[in-house]
Amino acid sequence: MKIPADNWQCSSKGPQNNKLVPKCEFTFYFDDVHMLTPHCPVCGHKMKRVVPPNSVGNLLRRGLEEERKK
């Protein structure tokens, strides 16, 4: 079984948790069915979705933009 790539990343900037965490760079794979907007287990800040650069959605969007330019 293939391990899925991390799809969520902590969006905090700078020190967190009363400066106990100097910089939070937590990333993890959360299933989108169960986690709509997860919070970071390290610092408690909201996490942001990480989209791979060559995802199907991005490829289709790029193709549509190229077609509209013509």
C-alpha atoms as a PDB file:
ATOM      1  CA  MET A   1       0.000   0.000   0.000  1.00  0.00           C
ATOM      2  CA  LYS A   2       1.333   3.408  -0.977  1.00  0.00           C
ATOM      3  CA  ILE A   3       1.566   6.030   1.754  1.00  0.00           C
ATOM      4  CA  PRO A   4      -0.228   9.224   0.616  1.00  0.00           C
ATOM      5  CA  ALA A   5       1.709  12.476   0.439  1.00  0.00           C
ATOM      6  CA  ASP A   6       1.188  15.147   3.074  1.00  0.00           C
ATOM      7  CA  ASN A   7      -1.748  17.330   2.091  1.00  0.00           C
ATOM      8  CA  TRP A   8      -2.012  19.736   5.053  1.00  0.00           C
ATOM      9  CA  GLN A   9       0.598  22.138   6.444  1.00  0.00           C
ATOM     10  CA  CYS A  10       0.555  24.376   9.505  1.00  0.00           C
ATOM     11  CA  SER A  11      -0.006  27.994   8.458  1.00  0.00           C
ATOM     12  CA  SER A  12       1.459  29.644  11.561  1.00  0.00           C
ATOM     13  CA  LYS A  13       4.303  32.094  11.263  1.00  0.00           C
ATOM     14  CA  GLY A  14       6.799  32.846  14.015  1.00  0.00           C
ATOM     15  CA  PRO A  15       6.819  31.515  17.570  1.00  0.00           C
ATOM     16  CA  GLN A  16       3.735  29.699  18.837  1.00  0.00           C
ATOM     17  CA  ASN A  17       2.459  28.222  22.089  1.00  0.00           C
ATOM     18  CA  ASN A  18       3.949  30.894  24.387  1.00  0.00           C
ATOM     19  CA  LYS A  19       7.235  30.699  22.455  1.00  0.00           C
ATOM     20  CA  LEU A  20       7.659  26.998  23.301  1.00  0.00           C
ATOM     21  CA  VAL A  21       7.526  26.242  19.560  1.00  0.00           C
ATOM     22  CA  PRO A  22       9.968  28.614  17.801  1.00  0.00           C
ATOM     23  CA  LYS A  23       8.699  27.730  14.307  1.00  0.00           C
ATOM     24  CA  CYS A  24       6.017  25.183  13.465  1.00  0.00           C
ATOM     25  CA  GLU A  25       6.499  23.305  10.194  1.00  0.00           C
ATOM     26  CA  PHE A  26       4.118  20.418  10.857  1.00  0.00           C
ATOM     27  CA  THR A  27       2.798  18.609   7.740  1.00  0.00           C
ATOM     28  CA  PHE A  28       0.582  15.547   7.644  1.00  0.00           C
ATOM     29  CA  TYR A  29      -1.920  13.636   5.518  1.00  0.00           C
ATOM     30  CA  PHE A  30      -5.491  14.093   6.723  1.00  0.00           C
ATOM     31  CA  ASP A  31      -8.388  12.396   4.948  1.00  0.00           C
ATOM     32  CA  ASP A  32     -10.613  15.096   3.455  1.00  0.00           C
ATOM     33  CA  VAL A  33     -13.772  13.145   4.308  1.00  0.00           C
ATOM     34  CA  HIS A  34     -13.145  13.359   8.051  1.00  0.00           C
ATOM     35  CA  MET A  35     -11.096  16.551   8.385  1.00  0.00           C
ATOM     36  CA  LEU A  36     -12.526  19.689   6.827  1.00  0.00           C
ATOM     37  CA  THR A  37     -10.254  22.264   8.499  1.00  0.00           C
ATOM     38  CA  PRO A  38      -7.834  20.555  10.877  1.00  0.00           C
ATOM     39  CA  HIS A  39      -5.835  22.357  13.527  1.00  0.00           C
ATOM     40  CA  CYS A  40      -2.143  21.704  14.081  1.00  0.00           C
ATOM     41  CA  PRO A  41      -1.506  19.189  16.890  1.00  0.00           C
ATOM     42  CA  VAL A  42       1.798  20.934  17.717  1.00  0.00           C
ATOM     43  CA  CYS A  43       0.725  24.570  18.090  1.00  0.00           C
ATOM     44  CA  GLY A  44      -3.081  24.577  17.624  1.00  0.00           C
ATOM     45  CA  HIS A  45      -3.072  26.958  14.628  1.00  0.00           C
ATOM     46  CA  LYS A  46      -5.321  26.288  11.610  1.00  0.00           C
ATOM     47  CA  MET A  47      -3.703  24.247   8.848  1.00  0.00           C
ATOM     48  CA  LYS A  48      -3.751  25.072   5.134  1.00  0.00           C
ATOM     49  CA  ARG A  49      -4.241  22.652   2.255  1.00  0.00           C
ATOM     50  CA  VAL A  50      -1.155  21.805   0.196  1.00  0.00           C
ATOM     51  CA  VAL A  51      -1.892  21.042  -3.459  1.00  0.00           C
ATOM     52  CA  PRO A  52       0.738  19.217  -5.512  1.00  0.00           C
ATOM     53  CA  PRO A  53       1.885  21.248  -8.551  1.00  0.00           C
ATOM     54  CA  ASN A  54       0.825  18.612 -11.100  1.00  0.00           C
ATOM     55  CA  SER A  55      -2.512  17.573  -9.654  1.00  0.00           C
ATOM     56  CA  VAL A  56      -5.352  16.666 -11.999  1.00  0.00           C
ATOM     57  CA  GLY A  57      -7.239  19.832 -11.060  1.00  0.00           C
ATOM     58  CA  ASN A  58      -4.247  22.058 -11.841  1.00  0.00           C
ATOM     59  CA  LEU A  59      -3.603  20.346 -15.190  1.00  0.00           C
ATOM     60  CA  LEU A  60      -7.252  20.735 -16.209  1.00  0.00           C
ATOM     61  CA  ARG A  61      -7.304  24.375 -15.092  1.00  0.00           C
ATOM     62  CA  ARG A  62      -4.149  25.124 -17.094  1.00  0.00           C
ATOM     63  CA  GLY A  63      -5.628  23.437 -20.182  1.00  0.00           C
ATOM     64  CA  LEU A  64      -8.847  25.446 -19.854  1.00  0.00           C
ATOM     65  CA  GLU A  65      -6.900  28.713 -19.519  1.00  0.00           C
ATOM     66  CA  GLU A  66      -4.881  27.883 -22.658  1.00  0.00           C
ATOM     67  CA  GLU A  67      -8.086  27.129 -24.594  1.00  0.00           C
ATOM     68  CA  ARG A  68      -9.654  30.426 -23.529  1.00  0.00           C
ATOM     69  CA  LYS A  69      -6.573  32.322 -24.745  1.00  0.00           C
ATOM     70  CA  LYS A  70      -7.085  30.998 -28.291  1.00  0.00           C
END
